[in-house]
Protein backbone atom coordinates (compact mmCIF):
# COMPACT_ATOMS: atom_id res chain seq x y z
CA UNK A 1 241.24 50.58 120.68
CA UNK A 2 241.86 48.28 117.57
CA UNK A 3 245.47 47.39 118.76
CA UNK A 4 243.76 45.21 121.79
CA UNK A 5 240.84 43.94 119.75
CA UNK A 6 240.98 40.20 119.14
CA UNK A 7 241.50 40.00 115.54
CA UNK A 8 239.83 36.82 114.58
CA UNK A 9 236.74 38.04 116.54
CA UNK A 10 236.51 40.68 114.18
CA UNK A 11 236.81 38.37 111.18
CA UNK A 12 233.88 36.28 112.65
CA UNK A 13 231.85 39.40 113.26
CA UNK A 14 232.44 40.24 109.40
CA UNK A 15 231.05 36.69 108.55
CA UNK A 16 234.52 35.80 107.02
CA UNK A 17 235.43 32.30 106.48
CA UNK A 18 237.02 30.89 109.18
CA UNK A 19 238.24 27.62 107.92
CA UNK A 20 242.07 27.09 108.16
CA UNK A 21 244.41 25.39 105.83
CA UNK A 22 247.52 24.97 108.26
CA UNK A 23 247.73 28.30 109.99
CA UNK A 24 246.44 30.19 107.24
CA UNK A 25 242.72 31.51 106.63
CA UNK A 26 241.15 32.51 103.36
CA UNK A 27 241.87 36.21 102.46
CA UNK A 28 238.70 38.12 102.13
CA UNK A 29 240.29 40.15 99.13
CA UNK A 30 242.09 37.53 97.00
CA UNK A 31 240.28 34.47 98.35
CA UNK A 32 243.38 32.33 98.65
CA UNK A 33 244.25 30.41 101.82
CA UNK A 34 247.33 32.62 102.52
CA UNK A 35 246.01 34.99 105.34
CA UNK A 36 247.80 34.93 108.75
CA UNK A 37 246.87 36.31 111.85
CA UNK A 38 250.01 37.30 113.82
CA UNK A 39 250.10 37.86 117.76
CA UNK A 40 250.17 41.34 117.67
CA UNK A 41 246.57 41.25 116.28
CA UNK A 42 247.21 42.05 112.78
CA UNK A 43 246.68 40.22 109.54
CA UNK A 44 248.78 39.75 106.56
CA UNK A 45 248.13 38.09 103.01
CA UNK A 46 251.01 36.40 101.68
CA UNK A 47 249.95 36.38 98.05
CA UNK A 48 252.39 38.12 96.01
CA UNK A 49 249.50 39.94 94.15
CA UNK A 50 247.57 41.02 97.13
CA UNK A 51 249.74 41.44 100.21
CA UNK A 52 247.03 43.05 102.31
CA UNK A 53 248.14 43.81 105.86
CA UNK A 54 246.65 45.75 108.55
CA UNK A 55 244.81 45.75 112.01
CA UNK A 56 241.06 45.07 112.91
CA UNK A 57 240.23 48.72 112.03
CA UNK A 58 241.80 48.44 108.85
CA UNK A 59 239.96 45.06 108.16
CA UNK A 60 236.52 46.50 108.78
CA UNK A 61 237.42 49.65 106.40
CA UNK A 62 238.43 47.48 103.47
CA UNK A 63 235.81 44.58 103.69
CA UNK A 64 232.86 47.02 104.30
CA UNK A 65 234.48 49.85 102.25
CA UNK A 66 233.77 52.50 104.82
CA UNK A 67 235.94 55.40 106.56
CA UNK A 68 238.17 54.61 109.31
CA UNK A 69 235.96 56.90 111.44
CA UNK A 70 232.78 54.67 110.64
CA UNK A 71 234.76 51.54 111.24
CA UNK A 72 235.75 52.85 114.45
CA UNK A 73 232.27 53.64 115.45
CA UNK A 74 231.22 50.13 114.45
CA UNK A 75 233.91 48.51 116.21
CA UNK A 76 232.78 50.25 119.31
CA UNK A 77 229.14 48.99 119.14
CA UNK A 78 230.26 45.60 118.06
CA UNK A 79 232.60 45.58 121.47
CA UNK A 80 229.83 46.95 123.44
CA UNK A 81 227.34 44.38 122.42
CA UNK A 82 230.08 41.58 122.95
CA UNK A 83 230.01 40.60 119.35
CA UNK A 84 233.90 41.11 119.36
CA UNK A 85 236.17 41.17 122.43
CA UNK A 86 239.40 42.31 123.77
CA UNK A 87 242.54 40.35 123.47
CA UNK A 88 242.91 38.79 127.22
CA UNK A 89 246.48 37.25 127.72
CA UNK A 90 246.07 36.35 131.42
CA UNK A 91 243.30 36.14 133.96
CA UNK A 92 243.28 35.57 137.60
CA UNK A 93 241.05 32.67 138.74
CA UNK A 94 238.44 34.89 140.08
CA UNK A 95 238.35 36.83 136.94
CA UNK A 96 238.06 33.67 134.72
CA UNK A 97 235.09 32.39 137.09
CA UNK A 98 233.19 35.65 136.54
CA UNK A 99 233.57 35.66 132.69
CA UNK A 100 232.65 32.04 132.26
CA UNK A 101 229.80 32.60 134.55
CA UNK A 102 228.45 35.25 131.96
CA UNK A 103 229.21 33.14 128.96
CA UNK A 104 227.16 30.04 130.81
CA UNK A 105 224.20 32.23 131.22
CA UNK A 106 224.54 33.46 127.65
CA UNK A 107 224.48 29.68 126.31
CA UNK A 108 221.55 28.86 128.40
CA UNK A 109 219.71 31.85 126.47
CA UNK A 110 220.95 30.40 123.36
CA UNK A 111 219.50 27.02 124.03
CA UNK A 112 216.21 28.56 125.13
CA UNK A 113 216.11 30.33 121.79
CA UNK A 114 216.83 26.98 119.87
CA UNK A 115 213.79 25.21 121.73
CA UNK A 116 211.45 28.29 121.28
CA UNK A 117 211.73 29.25 117.64
CA UNK A 118 210.63 27.36 114.52
CA UNK A 119 211.58 28.73 111.07
CA UNK A 120 212.45 31.35 110.02
CA UNK A 121 214.52 32.35 113.18
CA UNK A 122 215.67 28.55 113.88
CA UNK A 123 219.46 28.72 114.40
CA UNK A 124 221.04 26.88 111.54
CA UNK A 125 223.89 24.75 112.86
CA UNK A 126 225.56 24.20 109.50
CA UNK A 127 226.06 27.69 108.96
CA UNK A 128 227.69 28.05 112.73
CA UNK A 129 230.03 25.47 111.93
CA UNK A 130 231.19 27.16 108.86
CA UNK A 131 231.61 30.25 110.54
CA UNK A 132 233.40 28.67 113.70
CA UNK A 133 235.56 26.02 111.71
CA UNK A 134 233.96 23.63 114.32
CA UNK A 135 232.51 20.06 113.69
CA UNK A 136 229.02 19.20 114.62
CA UNK A 137 230.02 17.42 117.98
CA UNK A 138 232.42 20.07 119.23
CA UNK A 139 229.99 22.92 118.51
CA UNK A 140 227.10 21.01 120.27
CA UNK A 141 229.31 20.59 123.24
CA UNK A 142 230.08 24.23 123.61
CA UNK A 143 226.42 25.34 123.07
CA UNK A 144 225.75 22.76 126.00
CA UNK A 145 228.16 24.48 128.25
CA UNK A 146 231.02 22.10 128.33
CA UNK A 147 234.27 24.10 128.36
CA UNK A 148 236.81 23.39 125.91
CA UNK A 149 239.99 25.29 124.63
CA UNK A 150 239.99 29.00 125.81
CA UNK A 151 240.66 30.30 122.41
CA UNK A 152 238.20 27.78 120.82
CA UNK A 153 235.47 28.67 123.13
CA UNK A 154 235.84 32.54 123.01
CA UNK A 155 235.74 32.24 119.22
CA UNK A 156 232.54 30.34 119.07
CA UNK A 157 230.78 32.52 121.32
CA UNK A 158 232.06 35.51 119.44
CA UNK A 159 229.93 33.66 116.60
CA UNK A 160 226.98 32.95 118.67
CA UNK A 161 226.76 36.54 120.10
CA UNK A 162 226.85 38.12 116.19
CA UNK A 163 224.38 35.64 114.97
CA UNK A 164 221.78 35.08 117.49
CA UNK A 165 219.29 37.80 118.42
CA UNK A 166 218.31 37.27 122.10
CA UNK A 167 216.74 40.64 122.41
CA UNK A 168 214.14 39.02 119.87
CA UNK A 169 213.62 36.07 122.34
CA UNK A 170 213.32 38.15 125.32
CA UNK A 171 210.83 40.24 123.82
CA UNK A 172 208.70 37.39 122.39
CA UNK A 173 208.83 35.77 125.94
CA UNK A 174 207.17 38.84 127.19
CA UNK A 175 204.15 38.05 125.16
CA UNK A 176 203.54 34.84 126.98
CA UNK A 177 200.94 32.83 125.17
CA UNK A 178 200.09 35.75 123.06
CA UNK A 179 203.06 34.95 120.98
CA UNK A 180 201.89 31.34 120.13
CA UNK A 181 198.38 32.61 119.41
CA UNK A 182 199.63 34.70 116.71
CA UNK A 183 201.72 32.25 115.33
CA UNK A 184 198.87 29.85 115.11
CA UNK A 185 196.74 32.38 113.01
CA UNK A 186 199.07 31.15 110.15
CA UNK A 187 197.17 28.93 107.83
CA UNK A 188 199.90 26.46 107.76
CA UNK A 189 199.41 25.95 111.46
CA UNK A 190 195.62 25.33 111.33
CA UNK A 191 196.22 21.64 110.71
CA UNK A 192 197.88 21.58 114.16
CA UNK A 193 194.85 23.12 115.79
CA UNK A 194 192.57 20.43 114.14
CA UNK A 195 195.02 17.53 115.32
CA UNK A 196 194.75 19.22 119.06
CA UNK A 197 191.06 19.92 119.10
CA UNK A 198 188.85 17.40 121.09
CA UNK A 199 185.60 17.26 119.06
CA UNK A 200 182.33 16.51 120.49
CA UNK A 201 181.22 13.02 119.62
CA UNK A 202 178.14 12.39 117.58
CA UNK A 203 175.52 10.36 118.88
CA UNK A 204 174.00 7.74 116.56
CA UNK A 205 170.56 8.19 115.86
CA UNK A 206 168.43 5.12 116.89
């Protein structure tokens, strides 16, 4: 399984630094900008004192300090939940159409998530920019469904799928107005109720 998994999507899933210097990422082990991902979906650190190398399965093992069996299980779950993805070299027009439609539906949910939640569940765009290596404008365009470079698009959606809990949103939406009633029970929101409230006008005594 690990031979075909997109190595960069695993790096994103592990919350590693995705900012590059030339073609090199920061090595998760020696923290030097000398970590290269090759077309065979394997990584290698060029720092002489480190020289880590391996596939996505080995990366999960070493970053999380777990066995290969546990790492294999984790990758299986992440793949099922679309947190990571299989490397796709070629697609037919119809295959691309179906996959893009799924991505656009997901992004619609992401925009709903942003509009629905206040702190502490609000999406931190700055953290997303750090994880994806994108600037504010490019990240916003992708979240709004503007298709860009195929690799950048897939990398960004892998970050969003890993960081945003849509199951929480779907569960809270089922509560309808009850969700907000519970939210307004917070003392901090009491002032909002007072602002909203239309009070009965007092009649002046003659």
